[in-house]
Amino acid sequence: MSLPKAGAPVRGSRTGRPVMALLDILGRRWTLRVIWELRASTLSFRDLQGLCDEMSPTVLNQRLRELRDAEIVVLAQEGGYSLSKSGVELLEAMMPLQKWSDKWGKNLYQKKETEK
């Protein structure tokens, strides 16, 4: 599967809007997990694989290649992988969604508890 590009049709959209290309990339299996695990530090391939529940090396290689092509992840000088400046900005932009989902999950749990 080729990397989605802004300005070209992507999965779920023919508009080529950058947000749709990004959502296509982020919607791929394991992509968000890789970004999340790289949030705090540079990780070797093996360490990243271990943190990602032993995802297959083939899939991890593919996701890392896609994220590098999208300039979200970079090869770190000290070895391993880290978020690029754009990757850090993406993670920061996603944090309100994290906060919202925590509240949403808590509300759903409380609702289900009161229905018992």
N, C-alpha and C. Protein backbone atom coordinates (compact mmCIF):
# COMPACT_ATOMS: atom_id res chain seq x y z
N MET A 1 0.86 -1.18 0.00
CA MET A 1 0.00 0.00 0.00
C MET A 1 0.90 1.23 0.00
N SER A 2 0.61 2.17 -0.87
CA SER A 2 1.44 3.36 -0.96
C SER A 2 1.03 4.38 0.11
N LEU A 3 1.96 5.25 0.41
CA LEU A 3 1.73 6.28 1.41
C LEU A 3 0.71 7.29 0.89
N PRO A 4 -0.34 7.56 1.66
CA PRO A 4 -1.31 8.59 1.25
C PRO A 4 -0.62 9.94 1.13
N LYS A 5 -1.04 10.70 0.14
CA LYS A 5 -0.45 12.02 -0.07
C LYS A 5 -1.56 13.07 -0.16
N ALA A 6 -1.30 14.20 0.45
CA ALA A 6 -2.24 15.31 0.35
C ALA A 6 -2.37 15.70 -1.12
N GLY A 7 -3.59 15.98 -1.54
CA GLY A 7 -3.83 16.37 -2.93
C GLY A 7 -4.20 15.20 -3.82
N ALA A 8 -4.10 13.97 -3.30
CA ALA A 8 -4.46 12.79 -4.07
C ALA A 8 -5.54 12.02 -3.32
N PRO A 9 -6.40 11.29 -4.03
CA PRO A 9 -7.41 10.50 -3.34
C PRO A 9 -6.77 9.52 -2.35
N VAL A 10 -7.43 9.34 -1.21
CA VAL A 10 -6.95 8.41 -0.18
C VAL A 10 -8.11 7.52 0.24
N ARG A 11 -7.80 6.54 1.04
CA ARG A 11 -8.83 5.63 1.54
C ARG A 11 -9.93 6.44 2.23
N GLY A 12 -11.15 6.29 1.77
CA GLY A 12 -12.28 6.96 2.37
C GLY A 12 -12.55 8.37 1.87
N SER A 13 -11.74 8.88 0.95
CA SER A 13 -11.93 10.25 0.47
C SER A 13 -11.29 10.44 -0.89
N ARG A 14 -12.00 11.13 -1.75
CA ARG A 14 -11.44 11.49 -3.06
C ARG A 14 -10.95 12.93 -3.09
N THR A 15 -11.09 13.66 -1.97
CA THR A 15 -10.80 15.08 -1.96
C THR A 15 -9.31 15.41 -1.98
N GLY A 16 -8.51 14.56 -1.40
CA GLY A 16 -7.09 14.85 -1.31
C GLY A 16 -6.75 15.83 -0.20
N ARG A 17 -7.68 16.11 0.68
CA ARG A 17 -7.41 17.02 1.78
C ARG A 17 -6.33 16.43 2.68
N PRO A 18 -5.42 17.27 3.15
CA PRO A 18 -4.34 16.77 4.01
C PRO A 18 -4.84 16.01 5.24
N VAL A 19 -5.93 16.47 5.85
CA VAL A 19 -6.44 15.78 7.04
C VAL A 19 -6.88 14.36 6.69
N MET A 20 -7.42 14.17 5.51
CA MET A 20 -7.85 12.82 5.12
C MET A 20 -6.66 11.92 4.86
N ALA A 21 -5.60 12.47 4.27
CA ALA A 21 -4.37 11.68 4.08
C ALA A 21 -3.78 11.29 5.43
N LEU A 22 -3.76 12.24 6.36
CA LEU A 22 -3.24 11.95 7.70
C LEU A 22 -4.08 10.88 8.39
N LEU A 23 -5.40 11.00 8.32
CA LEU A 23 -6.26 10.00 8.95
C LEU A 23 -6.08 8.63 8.33
N ASP A 24 -5.80 8.59 7.04
CA ASP A 24 -5.52 7.32 6.38
C ASP A 24 -4.25 6.70 6.98
N ILE A 25 -3.22 7.50 7.13
CA ILE A 25 -1.97 7.00 7.72
C ILE A 25 -2.20 6.54 9.15
N LEU A 26 -2.84 7.38 9.95
CA LEU A 26 -3.04 7.08 11.37
C LEU A 26 -3.99 5.90 11.58
N GLY A 27 -4.84 5.64 10.61
CA GLY A 27 -5.80 4.54 10.74
C GLY A 27 -5.22 3.18 10.43
N ARG A 28 -3.99 3.12 10.01
CA ARG A 28 -3.37 1.83 9.72
C ARG A 28 -3.00 1.13 11.03
N ARG A 29 -3.18 -0.17 11.02
CA ARG A 29 -2.92 -0.96 12.22
C ARG A 29 -1.52 -0.70 12.76
N TRP A 30 -1.42 -0.47 14.04
CA TRP A 30 -0.20 -0.26 14.81
C TRP A 30 0.40 1.13 14.68
N THR A 31 -0.06 1.95 13.75
CA THR A 31 0.57 3.25 13.55
C THR A 31 0.49 4.13 14.78
N LEU A 32 -0.69 4.27 15.35
CA LEU A 32 -0.83 5.11 16.54
C LEU A 32 -0.03 4.55 17.71
N ARG A 33 0.04 3.24 17.81
CA ARG A 33 0.81 2.63 18.90
C ARG A 33 2.29 2.96 18.76
N VAL A 34 2.82 2.90 17.55
CA VAL A 34 4.23 3.24 17.32
C VAL A 34 4.48 4.69 17.73
N ILE A 35 3.61 5.60 17.30
CA ILE A 35 3.76 7.01 17.66
C ILE A 35 3.71 7.17 19.18
N TRP A 36 2.76 6.50 19.81
CA TRP A 36 2.60 6.61 21.26
C TRP A 36 3.85 6.12 21.99
N GLU A 37 4.39 5.00 21.57
CA GLU A 37 5.56 4.44 22.25
C GLU A 37 6.80 5.31 22.06
N LEU A 38 6.85 6.08 20.99
CA LEU A 38 7.99 6.97 20.76
C LEU A 38 7.82 8.33 21.42
N ARG A 39 6.74 8.51 22.17
CA ARG A 39 6.44 9.83 22.74
C ARG A 39 7.49 10.33 23.71
N ALA A 40 8.17 9.44 24.42
CA ALA A 40 9.07 9.88 25.50
C ALA A 40 10.55 9.73 25.19
N SER A 41 10.89 8.84 24.27
CA SER A 41 12.31 8.61 24.05
C SER A 41 12.58 7.93 22.72
N THR A 42 13.84 7.92 22.36
CA THR A 42 14.30 7.19 21.19
C THR A 42 14.33 5.71 21.54
N LEU A 43 13.87 4.88 20.63
CA LEU A 43 13.82 3.44 20.89
C LEU A 43 14.45 2.67 19.74
N SER A 44 15.13 1.61 20.09
CA SER A 44 15.66 0.70 19.07
C SER A 44 14.49 -0.07 18.46
N PHE A 45 14.74 -0.68 17.34
CA PHE A 45 13.72 -1.48 16.69
C PHE A 45 13.22 -2.56 17.65
N ARG A 46 14.13 -3.25 18.28
CA ARG A 46 13.77 -4.35 19.18
C ARG A 46 12.96 -3.85 20.38
N ASP A 47 13.38 -2.73 20.97
CA ASP A 47 12.64 -2.18 22.11
C ASP A 47 11.24 -1.76 21.69
N LEU A 48 11.15 -1.13 20.54
CA LEU A 48 9.85 -0.69 20.03
C LEU A 48 8.95 -1.90 19.76
N GLN A 49 9.50 -2.92 19.19
CA GLN A 49 8.73 -4.13 18.93
C GLN A 49 8.23 -4.74 20.24
N GLY A 50 9.06 -4.78 21.25
CA GLY A 50 8.65 -5.32 22.54
C GLY A 50 7.54 -4.52 23.19
N LEU A 51 7.60 -3.21 23.07
CA LEU A 51 6.55 -2.34 23.63
C LEU A 51 5.24 -2.44 22.86
N CYS A 52 5.33 -2.86 21.63
CA CYS A 52 4.15 -2.99 20.77
C CYS A 52 3.63 -4.42 20.75
N ASP A 53 3.68 -5.07 21.90
CA ASP A 53 3.14 -6.42 22.05
C ASP A 53 3.69 -7.40 21.02
N GLU A 54 4.98 -7.26 20.77
CA GLU A 54 5.66 -8.19 19.85
C GLU A 54 5.03 -8.23 18.46
N MET A 55 4.67 -7.06 17.94
CA MET A 55 4.15 -7.00 16.57
C MET A 55 5.20 -7.59 15.63
N SER A 56 4.78 -8.12 14.53
CA SER A 56 5.71 -8.77 13.62
C SER A 56 6.74 -7.76 13.10
N PRO A 57 7.97 -8.22 12.89
CA PRO A 57 9.00 -7.31 12.37
C PRO A 57 8.65 -6.76 11.00
N THR A 58 7.94 -7.52 10.20
CA THR A 58 7.55 -7.05 8.87
C THR A 58 6.61 -5.86 8.97
N VAL A 59 5.62 -5.97 9.84
CA VAL A 59 4.65 -4.88 10.00
C VAL A 59 5.34 -3.66 10.62
N LEU A 60 6.18 -3.88 11.63
CA LEU A 60 6.87 -2.75 12.25
C LEU A 60 7.76 -2.04 11.23
N ASN A 61 8.49 -2.79 10.43
CA ASN A 61 9.32 -2.17 9.38
C ASN A 61 8.46 -1.35 8.43
N GLN A 62 7.32 -1.88 8.04
CA GLN A 62 6.44 -1.17 7.12
C GLN A 62 5.91 0.11 7.75
N ARG A 63 5.46 0.05 9.00
CA ARG A 63 4.94 1.24 9.67
C ARG A 63 6.04 2.28 9.87
N LEU A 64 7.21 1.85 10.26
CA LEU A 64 8.30 2.80 10.42
C LEU A 64 8.68 3.46 9.10
N ARG A 65 8.67 2.69 8.04
CA ARG A 65 8.97 3.25 6.71
C ARG A 65 7.91 4.29 6.33
N GLU A 66 6.63 3.95 6.54
CA GLU A 66 5.55 4.90 6.22
C GLU A 66 5.65 6.16 7.07
N LEU A 67 5.92 5.99 8.36
CA LEU A 67 6.02 7.16 9.24
C LEU A 67 7.26 7.99 8.93
N ARG A 68 8.33 7.37 8.49
CA ARG A 68 9.51 8.13 8.06
C ARG A 68 9.22 8.86 6.76
N ASP A 69 8.54 8.21 5.83
CA ASP A 69 8.18 8.86 4.56
C ASP A 69 7.25 10.05 4.80
N ALA A 70 6.40 9.93 5.83
CA ALA A 70 5.47 11.01 6.17
C ALA A 70 6.13 12.06 7.06
N GLU A 71 7.39 11.86 7.38
CA GLU A 71 8.19 12.77 8.20
C GLU A 71 7.62 12.95 9.61
N ILE A 72 7.05 11.86 10.14
CA ILE A 72 6.53 11.83 11.50
C ILE A 72 7.55 11.18 12.43
N VAL A 73 8.32 10.25 11.90
CA VAL A 73 9.37 9.53 12.64
C VAL A 73 10.68 9.71 11.89
N VAL A 74 11.76 9.76 12.66
CA VAL A 74 13.11 9.87 12.07
C VAL A 74 14.02 8.82 12.68
N LEU A 75 15.08 8.50 11.94
CA LEU A 75 16.16 7.70 12.51
C LEU A 75 16.98 8.63 13.38
N ALA A 76 17.17 8.27 14.62
CA ALA A 76 17.91 9.12 15.54
C ALA A 76 19.40 8.94 15.34
N GLN A 77 20.17 9.98 15.61
CA GLN A 77 21.62 9.92 15.45
C GLN A 77 22.23 8.87 16.37
N GLU A 78 21.67 8.71 17.56
CA GLU A 78 22.21 7.75 18.50
C GLU A 78 21.72 6.33 18.23
N GLY A 79 21.00 6.14 17.14
CA GLY A 79 20.47 4.83 16.79
C GLY A 79 19.04 4.70 17.26
N GLY A 80 18.27 3.97 16.55
CA GLY A 80 16.87 3.81 16.91
C GLY A 80 15.99 4.83 16.22
N TYR A 81 14.79 4.94 16.71
CA TYR A 81 13.78 5.79 16.10
C TYR A 81 13.23 6.78 17.12
N SER A 82 12.86 7.94 16.63
CA SER A 82 12.24 8.95 17.49
C SER A 82 11.25 9.74 16.66
N LEU A 83 10.41 10.49 17.36
CA LEU A 83 9.48 11.37 16.66
C LEU A 83 10.25 12.55 16.08
N SER A 84 9.87 12.94 14.89
CA SER A 84 10.42 14.16 14.29
C SER A 84 9.76 15.35 14.97
N LYS A 85 10.17 16.54 14.59
CA LYS A 85 9.52 17.74 15.10
C LYS A 85 8.03 17.71 14.75
N SER A 86 7.71 17.32 13.53
CA SER A 86 6.31 17.20 13.11
C SER A 86 5.59 16.11 13.90
N GLY A 87 6.29 15.03 14.20
CA GLY A 87 5.70 13.96 15.00
C GLY A 87 5.36 14.42 16.40
N VAL A 88 6.24 15.21 17.01
CA VAL A 88 5.98 15.77 18.34
C VAL A 88 4.77 16.71 18.27
N GLU A 89 4.73 17.54 17.24
CA GLU A 89 3.59 18.45 17.08
C GLU A 89 2.29 17.67 16.88
N LEU A 90 2.34 16.58 16.13
CA LEU A 90 1.17 15.74 15.94
C LEU A 90 0.71 15.16 17.27
N LEU A 91 1.64 14.65 18.05
CA LEU A 91 1.29 14.09 19.35
C LEU A 91 0.67 15.15 20.25
N GLU A 92 1.23 16.34 20.25
CA GLU A 92 0.66 17.44 21.05
C GLU A 92 -0.75 17.78 20.57
N ALA A 93 -0.97 17.75 19.27
CA ALA A 93 -2.29 18.05 18.73
C ALA A 93 -3.30 16.97 19.10
N MET A 94 -2.83 15.76 19.33
CA MET A 94 -3.71 14.65 19.67
C MET A 94 -4.05 14.61 21.16
N MET A 95 -3.33 15.32 21.99
CA MET A 95 -3.55 15.25 23.44
C MET A 95 -4.95 15.71 23.86
N PRO A 96 -5.55 16.73 23.24
CA PRO A 96 -6.95 17.04 23.60
C PRO A 96 -7.89 15.86 23.31
N LEU A 97 -7.60 15.09 22.28
CA LEU A 97 -8.40 13.91 21.99
C LEU A 97 -8.21 12.87 23.10
N GLN A 98 -7.01 12.73 23.60
CA GLN A 98 -6.73 11.83 24.72
C GLN A 98 -7.54 12.25 25.94
N LYS A 99 -7.52 13.54 26.23
CA LYS A 99 -8.26 14.07 27.38
C LYS A 99 -9.77 13.83 27.20
N TRP A 100 -10.28 14.11 26.01
CA TRP A 100 -11.68 13.89 25.72
C TRP A 100 -12.04 12.42 25.87
N SER A 101 -11.21 11.52 25.35
CA SER A 101 -11.53 10.09 25.41
C SER A 101 -11.50 9.56 26.84
N ASP A 102 -10.62 10.09 27.68
CA ASP A 102 -10.62 9.69 29.09
C ASP A 102 -11.95 10.05 29.74
N LYS A 103 -12.43 11.25 29.49
CA LYS A 103 -13.71 11.70 30.06
C LYS A 103 -14.85 10.86 29.49
N TRP A 104 -14.84 10.64 28.22
CA TRP A 104 -15.87 9.84 27.55
C TRP A 104 -15.90 8.42 28.11
N GLY A 105 -14.73 7.80 28.25
CA GLY A 105 -14.66 6.45 28.79
C GLY A 105 -15.17 6.37 30.22
N LYS A 106 -14.81 7.36 31.02
CA LYS A 106 -15.25 7.41 32.41
C LYS A 106 -16.77 7.54 32.47
N ASN A 107 -17.33 8.41 31.64
CA ASN A 107 -18.79 8.59 31.61
C ASN A 107 -19.51 7.31 31.19
N LEU A 108 -18.98 6.61 30.20
CA LEU A 108 -19.59 5.36 29.76
C LEU A 108 -19.54 4.32 30.87
N TYR A 109 -18.41 4.23 31.54
CA TYR A 109 -18.25 3.26 32.63
C TYR A 109 -19.24 3.56 33.74
N GLN A 110 -19.35 4.83 34.13
CA GLN A 110 -20.28 5.21 35.20
C GLN A 110 -21.71 4.92 34.80
N LYS A 111 -22.05 5.18 33.55
CA LYS A 111 -23.40 4.92 33.06
C LYS A 111 -23.71 3.43 33.15
N LYS A 112 -22.79 2.60 32.74
CA LYS A 112 -23.00 1.15 32.76
C LYS A 112 -23.11 0.64 34.20
N GLU A 113 -22.35 1.22 35.10
CA GLU A 113 -22.39 0.83 36.51
C GLU A 113 -23.74 1.17 37.14
N THR A 114 -24.31 2.30 36.76
CA THR A 114 -25.60 2.70 37.34
C THR A 114 -26.75 1.89 36.73
N GLU A 115 -26.54 1.31 35.55
CA GLU A 115 -27.57 0.51 34.90
C GLU A 115 -27.63 -0.91 35.46
N LYS A 116 -26.64 -1.31 36.24
CA LYS A 116 -26.61 -2.69 36.78
C LYS A 116 -27.61 -2.86 37.89
